[in-house]
Amino acid sequence: QLQVVESGGGSAQPGGSLRLSCTASGFTMEYYAIGWFRQAPGKEREGVSCSTTIGVTINYSDSMKGRFAISRDNAKNTAYLQMDNLKPEDTGIYYCAVSRRTPTGGSYCPERGDDYDYWGQGTQVTVSS
């Protein structure tokens, strides 16, 4: 079965760090762009970042710039989101998504959630003092 599973969420104090993982099963992740999204309580889902098939990254939010970093290890069929200097506003559910429609070339990284096909169930991140 095609499946994406996030892990690594939890609670942290402001200024702390968490590392989220996204592991795919049932397909080979190396051929597809990977995106991280998050949804804070009462707010719309927003894109966090995206990684192309060859590891080129795009960040979509100024509020996370310099604090969050996406990476991938195609050999392990896993992507990561390193979150440093966490703030209370980072609280929310974080989702990993994979775009099955990724073309060849290594430059594709969609911003819209509708362009992703495989989604995890999300992992909760709570930042509070």
N, C-alpha and C. Protein backbone atom coordinates (compact mmCIF):
# COMPACT_ATOMS: atom_id res chain seq x y z
N GLN A 1 0.84 -1.19 0.00
CA GLN A 1 0.00 0.00 0.00
C GLN A 1 0.88 1.25 0.00
N LEU A 2 0.45 2.25 -0.73
CA LEU A 2 1.17 3.51 -0.78
C LEU A 2 0.87 4.30 0.48
N GLN A 3 1.91 4.68 1.18
CA GLN A 3 1.70 5.31 2.47
C GLN A 3 2.85 6.24 2.82
N VAL A 4 2.51 7.34 3.47
CA VAL A 4 3.48 8.29 3.97
C VAL A 4 3.20 8.48 5.46
N VAL A 5 4.23 8.37 6.28
CA VAL A 5 4.06 8.44 7.72
C VAL A 5 5.03 9.45 8.30
N GLU A 6 4.49 10.41 9.07
CA GLU A 6 5.32 11.38 9.77
C GLU A 6 5.58 10.90 11.19
N SER A 7 6.69 11.34 11.73
CA SER A 7 7.02 11.05 13.11
C SER A 7 7.94 12.15 13.63
N GLY A 8 8.12 12.17 14.93
CA GLY A 8 9.04 13.12 15.53
C GLY A 8 8.40 14.33 16.17
N GLY A 9 7.10 14.45 16.07
CA GLY A 9 6.43 15.57 16.71
C GLY A 9 6.39 15.41 18.21
N GLY A 10 5.96 16.45 18.87
CA GLY A 10 5.88 16.44 20.31
C GLY A 10 5.84 17.84 20.86
N SER A 11 6.25 17.98 22.10
CA SER A 11 6.24 19.26 22.78
C SER A 11 7.65 19.81 22.92
N ALA A 12 7.75 21.11 22.82
CA ALA A 12 9.02 21.79 22.99
C ALA A 12 8.78 23.17 23.56
N GLN A 13 9.77 23.67 24.25
CA GLN A 13 9.71 25.04 24.75
C GLN A 13 10.20 26.00 23.68
N PRO A 14 9.80 27.25 23.77
CA PRO A 14 10.33 28.24 22.83
C PRO A 14 11.85 28.22 22.82
N GLY A 15 12.39 28.25 21.62
CA GLY A 15 13.83 28.17 21.46
C GLY A 15 14.35 26.75 21.30
N GLY A 16 13.50 25.77 21.51
CA GLY A 16 13.90 24.39 21.39
C GLY A 16 13.88 23.90 19.95
N SER A 17 14.15 22.62 19.79
CA SER A 17 14.25 22.03 18.47
C SER A 17 13.50 20.71 18.40
N LEU A 18 13.02 20.41 17.23
CA LEU A 18 12.44 19.12 16.92
C LEU A 18 12.86 18.73 15.51
N ARG A 19 12.95 17.44 15.28
CA ARG A 19 13.27 16.93 13.96
C ARG A 19 12.17 15.96 13.54
N LEU A 20 11.45 16.32 12.50
CA LEU A 20 10.39 15.49 11.98
C LEU A 20 10.92 14.60 10.87
N SER A 21 10.36 13.41 10.79
CA SER A 21 10.72 12.48 9.74
C SER A 21 9.49 12.12 8.92
N CYS A 22 9.72 11.81 7.68
CA CYS A 22 8.67 11.41 6.76
C CYS A 22 9.17 10.21 5.99
N THR A 23 8.55 9.08 6.21
CA THR A 23 8.98 7.85 5.57
C THR A 23 7.89 7.32 4.66
N ALA A 24 8.29 6.95 3.46
CA ALA A 24 7.35 6.42 2.47
C ALA A 24 7.46 4.91 2.40
N SER A 25 6.34 4.29 2.15
CA SER A 25 6.31 2.85 1.92
C SER A 25 5.41 2.55 0.74
N GLY A 26 5.72 1.48 0.03
CA GLY A 26 4.93 1.11 -1.13
C GLY A 26 5.35 1.79 -2.42
N PHE A 27 6.29 2.69 -2.36
CA PHE A 27 6.81 3.35 -3.55
C PHE A 27 8.18 3.92 -3.23
N THR A 28 8.89 4.28 -4.28
CA THR A 28 10.23 4.81 -4.13
C THR A 28 10.18 6.33 -4.16
N MET A 29 10.58 6.94 -3.07
CA MET A 29 10.45 8.38 -2.90
C MET A 29 11.39 9.17 -3.80
N GLU A 30 12.46 8.57 -4.23
CA GLU A 30 13.51 9.30 -4.94
C GLU A 30 13.04 9.96 -6.23
N TYR A 31 11.92 9.53 -6.77
CA TYR A 31 11.43 10.09 -8.03
C TYR A 31 10.44 11.24 -7.85
N TYR A 32 10.20 11.64 -6.63
CA TYR A 32 9.12 12.57 -6.38
C TYR A 32 9.54 13.73 -5.49
N ALA A 33 8.93 14.89 -5.76
CA ALA A 33 9.10 16.04 -4.88
C ALA A 33 8.40 15.78 -3.55
N ILE A 34 8.96 16.33 -2.50
CA ILE A 34 8.42 16.16 -1.15
C ILE A 34 8.15 17.53 -0.55
N GLY A 35 7.00 17.67 0.06
CA GLY A 35 6.65 18.92 0.70
C GLY A 35 6.27 18.72 2.15
N TRP A 36 6.54 19.73 2.94
CA TRP A 36 6.06 19.79 4.32
C TRP A 36 5.05 20.92 4.41
N PHE A 37 3.95 20.64 5.09
CA PHE A 37 2.90 21.62 5.34
C PHE A 37 2.58 21.62 6.81
N ARG A 38 1.93 22.68 7.25
CA ARG A 38 1.47 22.72 8.63
C ARG A 38 0.15 23.46 8.70
N GLN A 39 -0.59 23.16 9.75
CA GLN A 39 -1.86 23.82 9.99
C GLN A 39 -2.00 24.13 11.47
N ALA A 40 -2.01 25.41 11.77
CA ALA A 40 -2.20 25.86 13.14
C ALA A 40 -3.68 25.83 13.48
N PRO A 41 -4.01 25.73 14.75
CA PRO A 41 -5.42 25.71 15.14
C PRO A 41 -6.17 26.93 14.63
N GLY A 42 -7.28 26.70 13.96
CA GLY A 42 -8.10 27.78 13.46
C GLY A 42 -7.57 28.49 12.23
N LYS A 43 -6.50 28.00 11.65
CA LYS A 43 -5.91 28.65 10.49
C LYS A 43 -5.84 27.68 9.31
N GLU A 44 -5.65 28.25 8.14
CA GLU A 44 -5.53 27.45 6.94
C GLU A 44 -4.18 26.75 6.90
N ARG A 45 -4.15 25.64 6.20
CA ARG A 45 -2.91 24.94 5.99
C ARG A 45 -1.96 25.80 5.15
N GLU A 46 -0.71 25.79 5.50
CA GLU A 46 0.28 26.55 4.76
C GLU A 46 1.48 25.68 4.42
N GLY A 47 2.09 26.00 3.32
CA GLY A 47 3.29 25.30 2.93
C GLY A 47 4.48 25.72 3.77
N VAL A 48 5.28 24.77 4.14
CA VAL A 48 6.50 25.03 4.89
C VAL A 48 7.70 25.05 3.96
N SER A 49 7.89 23.96 3.24
CA SER A 49 9.02 23.86 2.34
C SER A 49 8.84 22.68 1.42
N CYS A 50 9.70 22.62 0.43
CA CYS A 50 9.65 21.55 -0.56
C CYS A 50 11.06 21.16 -0.94
N SER A 51 11.23 19.91 -1.25
CA SER A 51 12.51 19.40 -1.71
C SER A 51 12.31 18.67 -3.04
N THR A 52 13.12 19.04 -4.03
CA THR A 52 13.05 18.36 -5.31
C THR A 52 13.69 16.99 -5.21
N THR A 53 13.60 16.24 -6.29
CA THR A 53 14.13 14.88 -6.29
C THR A 53 15.62 14.83 -6.02
N ILE A 54 16.33 15.90 -6.35
CA ILE A 54 17.77 15.92 -6.13
C ILE A 54 18.17 16.78 -4.94
N GLY A 55 17.21 17.19 -4.14
CA GLY A 55 17.52 17.87 -2.90
C GLY A 55 17.57 19.38 -2.96
N VAL A 56 17.18 19.98 -4.06
CA VAL A 56 17.04 21.43 -4.10
C VAL A 56 15.82 21.81 -3.26
N THR A 57 15.97 22.79 -2.42
CA THR A 57 14.92 23.13 -1.46
C THR A 57 14.34 24.50 -1.72
N ILE A 58 13.07 24.64 -1.38
CA ILE A 58 12.34 25.89 -1.48
C ILE A 58 11.61 26.10 -0.17
N ASN A 59 11.73 27.28 0.38
CA ASN A 59 11.04 27.65 1.60
C ASN A 59 9.93 28.63 1.27
N TYR A 60 8.77 28.44 1.89
CA TYR A 60 7.59 29.20 1.51
C TYR A 60 7.13 30.22 2.54
N SER A 61 7.73 30.29 3.68
CA SER A 61 7.27 31.18 4.73
C SER A 61 8.42 31.97 5.33
N ASP A 62 8.25 33.29 5.39
CA ASP A 62 9.26 34.13 6.02
C ASP A 62 9.37 33.85 7.51
N SER A 63 8.27 33.46 8.13
CA SER A 63 8.28 33.21 9.56
C SER A 63 9.13 32.00 9.94
N MET A 64 9.39 31.13 8.98
CA MET A 64 10.18 29.94 9.24
C MET A 64 11.58 30.01 8.62
N LYS A 65 11.82 31.05 7.87
CA LYS A 65 13.09 31.22 7.19
C LYS A 65 14.24 31.24 8.19
N GLY A 66 15.25 30.44 7.92
CA GLY A 66 16.41 30.39 8.79
C GLY A 66 16.24 29.52 10.01
N ARG A 67 15.03 29.03 10.25
CA ARG A 67 14.78 28.18 11.42
C ARG A 67 14.43 26.75 11.05
N PHE A 68 13.78 26.58 9.92
CA PHE A 68 13.37 25.25 9.47
C PHE A 68 14.17 24.86 8.24
N ALA A 69 14.51 23.61 8.13
CA ALA A 69 15.26 23.12 6.98
C ALA A 69 14.77 21.74 6.57
N ILE A 70 14.39 21.63 5.31
CA ILE A 70 13.97 20.35 4.77
C ILE A 70 15.18 19.65 4.16
N SER A 71 15.19 18.35 4.26
CA SER A 71 16.23 17.55 3.64
C SER A 71 15.65 16.19 3.28
N ARG A 72 16.40 15.44 2.52
CA ARG A 72 15.92 14.12 2.14
C ARG A 72 17.09 13.16 2.01
N ASP A 73 16.79 11.90 2.25
CA ASP A 73 17.75 10.83 2.06
C ASP A 73 17.05 9.79 1.21
N ASN A 74 17.27 9.86 -0.07
CA ASN A 74 16.56 8.97 -0.98
C ASN A 74 16.88 7.50 -0.73
N ALA A 75 18.09 7.23 -0.29
CA ALA A 75 18.47 5.86 0.00
C ALA A 75 17.64 5.27 1.13
N LYS A 76 17.21 6.11 2.05
CA LYS A 76 16.40 5.68 3.18
C LYS A 76 14.92 5.89 2.96
N ASN A 77 14.56 6.43 1.79
CA ASN A 77 13.17 6.70 1.47
C ASN A 77 12.52 7.61 2.53
N THR A 78 13.28 8.58 2.97
CA THR A 78 12.87 9.41 4.08
C THR A 78 13.21 10.87 3.84
N ALA A 79 12.33 11.75 4.26
CA ALA A 79 12.58 13.18 4.26
C ALA A 79 12.50 13.68 5.70
N TYR A 80 13.09 14.84 5.93
CA TYR A 80 13.16 15.39 7.27
C TYR A 80 12.80 16.86 7.27
N LEU A 81 12.36 17.32 8.42
CA LEU A 81 12.18 18.74 8.65
C LEU A 81 12.83 19.06 9.99
N GLN A 82 13.97 19.71 9.93
CA GLN A 82 14.66 20.15 11.14
C GLN A 82 14.10 21.50 11.55
N MET A 83 13.61 21.59 12.76
CA MET A 83 13.00 22.81 13.27
C MET A 83 13.79 23.29 14.48
N ASP A 84 14.39 24.45 14.34
CA ASP A 84 15.18 25.04 15.40
C ASP A 84 14.57 26.37 15.83
N ASN A 85 14.95 26.80 17.01
CA ASN A 85 14.45 28.06 17.55
C ASN A 85 12.93 28.14 17.45
N LEU A 86 12.28 27.13 17.95
CA LEU A 86 10.83 27.05 17.85
C LEU A 86 10.14 28.18 18.60
N LYS A 87 9.02 28.59 18.05
CA LYS A 87 8.21 29.64 18.63
C LYS A 87 6.80 29.11 18.88
N PRO A 88 6.06 29.71 19.81
CA PRO A 88 4.69 29.27 20.04
C PRO A 88 3.84 29.27 18.78
N GLU A 89 4.08 30.18 17.87
CA GLU A 89 3.32 30.25 16.63
C GLU A 89 3.58 29.07 15.71
N ASP A 90 4.59 28.27 16.01
CA ASP A 90 4.87 27.08 15.22
C ASP A 90 3.97 25.91 15.59
N THR A 91 3.20 26.07 16.63
CA THR A 91 2.30 25.01 17.07
C THR A 91 1.30 24.65 15.98
N GLY A 92 1.12 23.37 15.75
CA GLY A 92 0.17 22.93 14.76
C GLY A 92 0.44 21.49 14.36
N ILE A 93 -0.30 21.04 13.39
CA ILE A 93 -0.10 19.71 12.84
C ILE A 93 0.74 19.83 11.58
N TYR A 94 1.78 19.04 11.53
CA TYR A 94 2.70 19.07 10.41
C TYR A 94 2.51 17.85 9.53
N TYR A 95 2.39 18.10 8.24
CA TYR A 95 2.12 17.04 7.28
C TYR A 95 3.26 16.92 6.27
N CYS A 96 3.53 15.71 5.91
CA CYS A 96 4.43 15.42 4.81
C CYS A 96 3.62 14.99 3.61
N ALA A 97 4.02 15.43 2.44
CA ALA A 97 3.30 15.09 1.22
C ALA A 97 4.28 14.80 0.09
N VAL A 98 3.88 13.92 -0.80
CA VAL A 98 4.70 13.51 -1.93
C VAL A 98 3.92 13.72 -3.21
N SER A 99 4.58 14.31 -4.20
CA SER A 99 3.95 14.58 -5.48
C SER A 99 4.29 13.48 -6.47
N ARG A 100 3.31 12.69 -6.81
CA ARG A 100 3.49 11.61 -7.78
C ARG A 100 3.73 12.14 -9.18
N ARG A 101 3.29 13.35 -9.45
CA ARG A 101 3.36 13.92 -10.78
C ARG A 101 4.70 14.59 -11.11
N THR A 102 5.67 14.38 -10.29
CA THR A 102 6.97 15.01 -10.48
C THR A 102 7.61 14.60 -11.80
N PRO A 103 7.94 15.57 -12.66
CA PRO A 103 8.62 15.24 -13.90
C PRO A 103 10.11 15.05 -13.68
N THR A 104 10.78 14.61 -14.71
CA THR A 104 12.23 14.48 -14.64
C THR A 104 12.87 15.86 -14.70
N GLY A 105 14.10 15.96 -14.26
CA GLY A 105 14.84 17.21 -14.33
C GLY A 105 15.35 17.71 -13.00
N GLY A 106 14.69 17.34 -11.92
CA GLY A 106 15.18 17.72 -10.61
C GLY A 106 14.89 19.13 -10.16
N SER A 107 13.94 19.81 -10.81
CA SER A 107 13.63 21.19 -10.45
C SER A 107 12.19 21.38 -9.98
N TYR A 108 11.39 20.36 -10.03
CA TYR A 108 9.98 20.48 -9.71
C TYR A 108 9.74 20.48 -8.22
N CYS A 109 9.00 21.49 -7.77
CA CYS A 109 8.63 21.59 -6.37
C CYS A 109 7.36 22.41 -6.26
N PRO A 110 6.21 21.76 -6.21
CA PRO A 110 4.95 22.49 -6.16
C PRO A 110 4.72 23.14 -4.81
N GLU A 111 3.97 24.22 -4.84
CA GLU A 111 3.64 24.96 -3.63
C GLU A 111 2.26 24.62 -3.10
N ARG A 112 1.33 24.32 -4.01
CA ARG A 112 -0.04 24.05 -3.62
C ARG A 112 -0.21 22.61 -3.16
N GLY A 113 -1.01 22.45 -2.15
CA GLY A 113 -1.28 21.12 -1.65
C GLY A 113 -1.96 20.22 -2.65
N ASP A 114 -2.74 20.81 -3.55
CA ASP A 114 -3.45 20.02 -4.56
C ASP A 114 -2.49 19.33 -5.52
N ASP A 115 -1.26 19.76 -5.58
CA ASP A 115 -0.28 19.16 -6.47
C ASP A 115 0.46 17.99 -5.84
N TYR A 116 0.08 17.65 -4.62
CA TYR A 116 0.63 16.48 -3.94
C TYR A 116 -0.40 15.37 -3.88
N ASP A 117 0.08 14.16 -3.91
CA ASP A 117 -0.80 13.00 -4.04
C ASP A 117 -0.83 12.09 -2.82
N TYR A 118 0.29 11.93 -2.17
CA TYR A 118 0.38 11.06 -1.01
C TYR A 118 0.62 11.90 0.23
N TRP A 119 -0.25 11.75 1.19
CA TRP A 119 -0.20 12.54 2.41
C TRP A 119 -0.13 11.67 3.65
N GLY A 120 0.65 12.11 4.60
CA GLY A 120 0.62 11.47 5.90
C GLY A 120 -0.54 11.99 6.72
N GLN A 121 -0.72 11.40 7.88
CA GLN A 121 -1.80 11.79 8.77
C GLN A 121 -1.44 12.97 9.66
N GLY A 122 -0.20 13.37 9.64
CA GLY A 122 0.23 14.52 10.40
C GLY A 122 0.81 14.14 11.75
N THR A 123 1.65 15.01 12.25
CA THR A 123 2.22 14.85 13.58
C THR A 123 2.11 16.18 14.31
N GLN A 124 1.68 16.12 15.54
CA GLN A 124 1.42 17.32 16.32
C GLN A 124 2.72 17.91 16.87
N VAL A 125 2.85 19.21 16.71
CA VAL A 125 3.95 19.96 17.30
C VAL A 125 3.36 21.03 18.20
N THR A 126 3.78 21.03 19.44
CA THR A 126 3.28 22.00 20.41
C THR A 126 4.45 22.73 21.03
N VAL A 127 4.44 24.04 20.91
CA VAL A 127 5.51 24.87 21.45
C VAL A 127 4.90 25.81 22.47
N SER A 128 5.29 25.66 23.70
CA SER A 128 4.77 26.50 24.77
C SER A 128 5.75 26.50 25.93
N SER A 129 5.66 27.55 26.72
CA SER A 129 6.52 27.66 27.88
C SER A 129 5.82 27.23 29.15
